[in-house]
Amino acid sequence: MSDSVLGDHVALIADDLLLLLLGDGSGRPVVNGSERDTAIAGAVMLELIGSGKVEITGSEEAPERIEIVVVDRSTTGDEVLDQALSRLPEKPVKLRKAVQRSAASDRDAVLKRMIRKGKISREDMSLFGVTRVRSWPPAYGKHVETFAERLREVLVDGDEPEERTALLVELLWASGATHAVVGGDRARVERRAARIAERDWSGSAVGLSIRGVRSVMVAAIAAAGGAAAGG
């Protein structure tokens, strides 16, 4: 795409993000289900905007008002993105609503694709005759560790991130998973992640997309926290 960093990569940001959110090899998510699903859906939406299939309008100062609209329904060349694109309405819709509505479907699509490709496996458990998914351990622990090590170089050692890594940091930080993924001194890691998340994207569509997606993820975390407190 012309002003995004997403279009030149074979693997989706959502694929890498999912592997990182599935923990240190156990396959158990390091954040709750709502936060994980919203993060994955947000990553998928960034890819759709980055591919030029979806346009975004609005202001970073009012992320809750940011809207998206499909401008091209031709194939993206990726099954997960094509499925997500097909679920979007014809008319403009609030970005927040679109991500929230697609969260479960996007999660399922990414998980199924990763299982089919052998990148993760599915381990179920039965309790009182009911089968539940317990974890999705990665098939190649070293692959996940490579991602985590690069993030540690950026968040702990202070390396400057390339744009793809900056996007992963942004999504991890917004989902509250940064420290769980990289370890180290929590305060230092969170400060560094926050600085990267606030980087200047020069008013581009990707910058507006990131701010909008972040607002959705923050809202999901707040809702999950409220539900836990109420329960």
Protein backbone atom coordinates (compact mmCIF):
# COMPACT_ATOMS: atom_id res chain seq x y z
CA MET A 1 0.00 0.00 0.00
CA SER A 2 1.08 3.56 -0.50
CA ASP A 3 1.29 4.82 3.08
CA SER A 4 1.34 1.65 5.20
CA VAL A 5 3.89 -0.92 6.19
CA LEU A 6 1.53 -3.87 6.08
CA GLY A 7 1.20 -4.81 2.46
CA ASP A 8 4.69 -6.16 1.82
CA HIS A 9 4.63 -9.12 4.22
CA VAL A 10 3.54 -12.69 3.56
CA ALA A 11 2.62 -13.43 7.19
CA LEU A 12 -0.17 -11.35 8.66
CA ILE A 13 0.50 -9.15 11.66
CA ALA A 14 -2.39 -11.10 13.22
CA ASP A 15 -0.46 -14.38 12.82
CA ASP A 16 2.60 -13.05 14.64
CA LEU A 17 0.45 -11.38 17.28
CA LEU A 18 -1.48 -14.58 17.98
CA LEU A 19 1.74 -16.55 18.51
CA LEU A 20 3.00 -13.93 20.96
CA LEU A 21 -0.31 -13.83 22.84
CA LEU A 22 -0.27 -17.61 23.25
CA GLY A 23 2.49 -17.34 25.80
CA ASP A 24 5.88 -18.92 26.32
CA GLY A 25 5.15 -22.25 24.64
CA SER A 26 2.27 -23.34 26.83
CA GLY A 27 -0.31 -22.16 24.31
CA ARG A 28 -2.35 -20.48 27.02
CA PRO A 29 -3.21 -16.84 26.24
CA VAL A 30 -1.39 -14.26 28.34
CA VAL A 31 -4.48 -12.00 28.29
CA ASN A 32 -8.15 -12.78 28.69
CA GLY A 33 -10.28 -13.91 25.79
CA SER A 34 -11.88 -10.54 25.08
CA GLU A 35 -8.55 -8.75 24.95
CA ARG A 36 -7.00 -11.45 22.76
CA ASP A 37 -9.90 -11.50 20.33
CA THR A 38 -10.04 -7.71 20.05
CA ALA A 39 -6.29 -7.55 19.44
CA ILE A 40 -6.50 -10.14 16.65
CA ALA A 41 -9.49 -8.40 15.05
CA GLY A 42 -7.68 -5.07 15.31
CA ALA A 43 -4.65 -6.53 13.56
CA VAL A 44 -6.83 -7.94 10.78
CA MET A 45 -8.50 -4.56 10.34
CA LEU A 46 -5.10 -2.87 10.07
CA GLU A 47 -4.23 -5.30 7.29
CA LEU A 48 -7.47 -4.54 5.40
CA ILE A 49 -6.85 -0.82 5.63
CA GLY A 50 -3.23 -1.37 4.67
CA SER A 51 -4.25 -3.37 1.60
CA GLY A 52 -6.38 -0.49 0.30
CA LYS A 53 -9.58 -2.54 0.45
CA VAL A 54 -10.95 -0.42 3.27
CA GLU A 55 -10.74 3.36 3.68
CA ILE A 56 -10.71 5.09 7.02
CA THR A 57 -11.91 8.58 7.91
CA GLY A 58 -12.00 10.61 11.08
CA SER A 59 -9.68 12.24 13.56
CA GLU A 60 -7.15 10.84 16.01
CA GLU A 61 -8.58 13.30 18.55
CA ALA A 62 -11.95 11.53 18.40
CA PRO A 63 -11.16 7.82 17.86
CA GLU A 64 -14.66 6.74 18.85
CA ARG A 65 -15.96 8.54 15.74
CA ILE A 66 -13.53 7.00 13.25
CA GLU A 67 -15.35 5.25 10.42
CA ILE A 68 -14.39 2.73 7.77
CA VAL A 69 -15.92 1.82 4.44
CA VAL A 70 -15.15 -0.96 1.96
CA VAL A 71 -13.95 0.44 -1.37
CA ASP A 72 -12.77 -2.77 -3.05
CA ARG A 73 -14.19 -6.26 -2.48
CA SER A 74 -11.82 -8.09 -4.82
CA THR A 75 -9.66 -10.77 -3.25
CA THR A 76 -6.76 -9.75 -1.07
CA GLY A 77 -4.94 -13.00 -1.77
CA ASP A 78 -5.33 -14.06 1.86
CA GLU A 79 -8.23 -16.20 3.07
CA VAL A 80 -8.45 -14.64 6.53
CA LEU A 81 -8.56 -11.11 5.11
CA ASP A 82 -11.07 -12.13 2.43
CA GLN A 83 -13.39 -13.58 5.06
CA ALA A 84 -13.09 -10.49 7.21
CA LEU A 85 -13.72 -8.24 4.20
CA SER A 86 -16.86 -10.18 3.27
CA ARG A 87 -18.32 -9.58 6.73
CA LEU A 88 -18.08 -5.80 6.52
CA PRO A 89 -21.26 -3.91 5.53
CA GLU A 90 -21.70 -1.93 2.35
CA LYS A 91 -22.24 1.36 4.15
CA PRO A 92 -19.72 3.21 6.34
CA VAL A 93 -19.52 1.87 9.88
CA LYS A 94 -17.77 2.95 13.04
CA LEU A 95 -14.36 1.30 13.32
CA ARG A 96 -15.06 0.36 16.92
CA LYS A 97 -18.28 -1.44 16.01
CA ALA A 98 -16.68 -3.24 13.06
CA VAL A 99 -13.81 -4.60 15.16
CA GLN A 100 -16.07 -5.63 18.03
CA ARG A 101 -18.48 -7.43 15.69
CA SER A 102 -15.73 -9.35 13.91
CA ALA A 103 -13.58 -10.24 16.94
CA ALA A 104 -14.77 -13.83 17.44
CA SER A 105 -14.88 -14.64 13.72
CA ASP A 106 -11.42 -13.21 13.09
CA ARG A 107 -10.01 -15.13 16.04
CA ASP A 108 -11.49 -18.39 14.79
CA ALA A 109 -10.25 -17.79 11.25
CA VAL A 110 -6.67 -17.06 12.36
CA LEU A 111 -6.60 -20.01 14.78
CA LYS A 112 -7.95 -22.46 12.20
CA ARG A 113 -5.48 -21.29 9.58
CA MET A 114 -2.54 -21.54 11.99
CA ILE A 115 -3.61 -25.05 13.03
CA ARG A 116 -4.02 -26.16 9.42
CA LYS A 117 -0.58 -24.84 8.54
CA GLY A 118 0.95 -26.66 11.49
CA LYS A 119 2.09 -23.54 13.32
CA ILE A 120 0.06 -24.35 16.42
CA SER A 121 -1.82 -27.38 17.70
CA ARG A 122 -5.03 -27.62 19.67
CA GLU A 123 -5.22 -29.34 23.04
CA ASP A 124 -8.67 -29.94 24.51
CA MET A 125 -9.77 -30.97 27.95
CA SER A 126 -13.01 -32.55 29.11
CA LEU A 127 -14.73 -31.65 32.34
CA PHE A 128 -18.02 -33.28 33.36
CA GLY A 129 -18.43 -34.55 29.82
CA VAL A 130 -18.01 -31.12 28.22
CA THR A 131 -15.07 -30.62 25.87
CA ARG A 132 -13.35 -27.27 26.13
CA VAL A 133 -10.31 -25.89 24.34
CA ARG A 134 -7.51 -25.59 26.83
CA SER A 135 -4.53 -24.35 24.87
CA TRP A 136 -2.95 -23.88 21.45
CA PRO A 137 0.76 -24.63 21.91
CA PRO A 138 3.06 -23.49 19.09
CA ALA A 139 4.59 -26.21 16.96
CA TYR A 140 7.89 -24.35 16.75
CA GLY A 141 8.87 -22.80 20.04
CA LYS A 142 12.00 -21.27 18.52
CA HIS A 143 9.88 -19.35 16.01
CA VAL A 144 7.95 -17.69 18.84
CA GLU A 145 11.12 -17.05 20.80
CA THR A 146 12.61 -15.23 17.81
CA PHE A 147 9.70 -12.77 17.88
CA ALA A 148 9.97 -12.36 21.64
CA GLU A 149 13.73 -11.84 21.48
CA ARG A 150 13.36 -9.05 18.91
CA LEU A 151 10.78 -7.40 21.14
CA ARG A 152 13.15 -7.64 24.11
CA GLU A 153 15.88 -5.98 22.05
CA VAL A 154 13.50 -3.10 21.41
CA LEU A 155 11.74 -2.84 24.78
CA VAL A 156 14.51 -3.83 27.17
CA ASP A 157 17.75 -3.03 25.34
CA GLY A 158 16.45 0.10 23.63
CA ASP A 159 16.91 -0.83 19.95
CA GLU A 160 14.94 1.23 17.46
CA PRO A 161 12.12 -0.88 16.01
CA GLU A 162 11.45 -1.38 12.34
CA GLU A 163 7.87 -0.51 11.43
CA ARG A 164 6.48 -4.05 11.65
CA THR A 165 7.91 -4.51 15.13
CA ALA A 166 6.54 -1.10 16.13
CA LEU A 167 3.07 -2.25 15.07
CA LEU A 168 3.38 -5.41 17.15
CA VAL A 169 4.50 -3.36 20.15
CA GLU A 170 1.52 -1.05 19.66
CA LEU A 171 -0.93 -3.95 19.61
CA LEU A 172 0.67 -5.75 22.55
CA TRP A 173 0.77 -2.56 24.60
CA ALA A 174 -2.86 -1.73 23.86
CA SER A 175 -3.90 -5.25 24.90
CA GLY A 176 -1.90 -5.07 28.15
CA ALA A 177 0.33 -7.99 27.15
CA THR A 178 3.72 -6.32 26.67
CA HIS A 179 5.39 -7.36 29.91
CA ALA A 180 3.84 -10.83 29.84
CA VAL A 181 5.47 -11.44 26.46
CA VAL A 182 8.94 -9.94 26.95
CA GLY A 183 9.51 -10.03 30.72
CA GLY A 184 12.12 -7.75 32.27
CA ASP A 185 11.44 -4.74 34.47
CA ARG A 186 7.74 -4.05 34.12
CA ALA A 187 7.87 -0.27 34.57
CA ARG A 188 10.74 0.13 32.12
CA VAL A 189 9.14 -2.12 29.50
CA GLU A 190 5.79 -0.35 29.77
CA ARG A 191 7.38 3.11 29.49
CA ARG A 192 9.35 2.08 26.43
CA ALA A 193 6.28 0.49 24.82
CA ALA A 194 4.22 3.61 25.49
CA ARG A 195 6.84 5.79 23.80
CA ILE A 196 6.84 3.55 20.73
CA ALA A 197 3.04 3.50 20.67
CA GLU A 198 3.03 7.29 20.59
CA ARG A 199 5.36 7.49 17.60
CA ASP A 200 4.50 9.96 14.85
CA TRP A 201 2.94 8.26 11.84
CA SER A 202 2.80 11.62 10.05
CA GLY A 203 -0.98 11.79 9.89
CA SER A 204 -1.14 8.78 7.57
CA ALA A 205 -4.02 6.34 7.26
CA VAL A 206 -2.03 3.77 9.20
CA GLY A 207 -1.62 6.25 12.07
CA LEU A 208 -5.35 6.93 12.16
CA SER A 209 -6.00 3.17 11.97
CA ILE A 210 -3.68 2.45 14.87
CA ARG A 211 -5.23 5.11 17.08
CA GLY A 212 -8.70 3.85 16.27
CA VAL A 213 -7.84 0.21 16.88
CA ARG A 214 -6.13 1.13 20.14
CA SER A 215 -9.29 2.86 21.36
CA VAL A 216 -11.29 -0.32 20.66
CA MET A 217 -8.79 -2.44 22.57
CA VAL A 218 -8.72 -0.07 25.55
CA ALA A 219 -12.52 -0.19 25.64
CA ALA A 220 -12.41 -4.01 25.58
CA ILE A 221 -9.96 -4.09 28.50
CA ALA A 222 -12.13 -1.66 30.47
CA ALA A 223 -15.24 -3.73 29.79
CA ALA A 224 -13.49 -6.94 30.83
CA GLY A 225 -12.28 -5.29 34.04
CA GLY A 226 -15.77 -4.02 34.81
CA ALA A 227 -17.27 -7.45 34.25
CA ALA A 228 -14.68 -9.05 36.55
CA ALA A 229 -15.35 -6.47 39.26
CA GLY A 230 -19.08 -6.93 38.94
CA GLY A 231 -18.80 -10.72 39.07
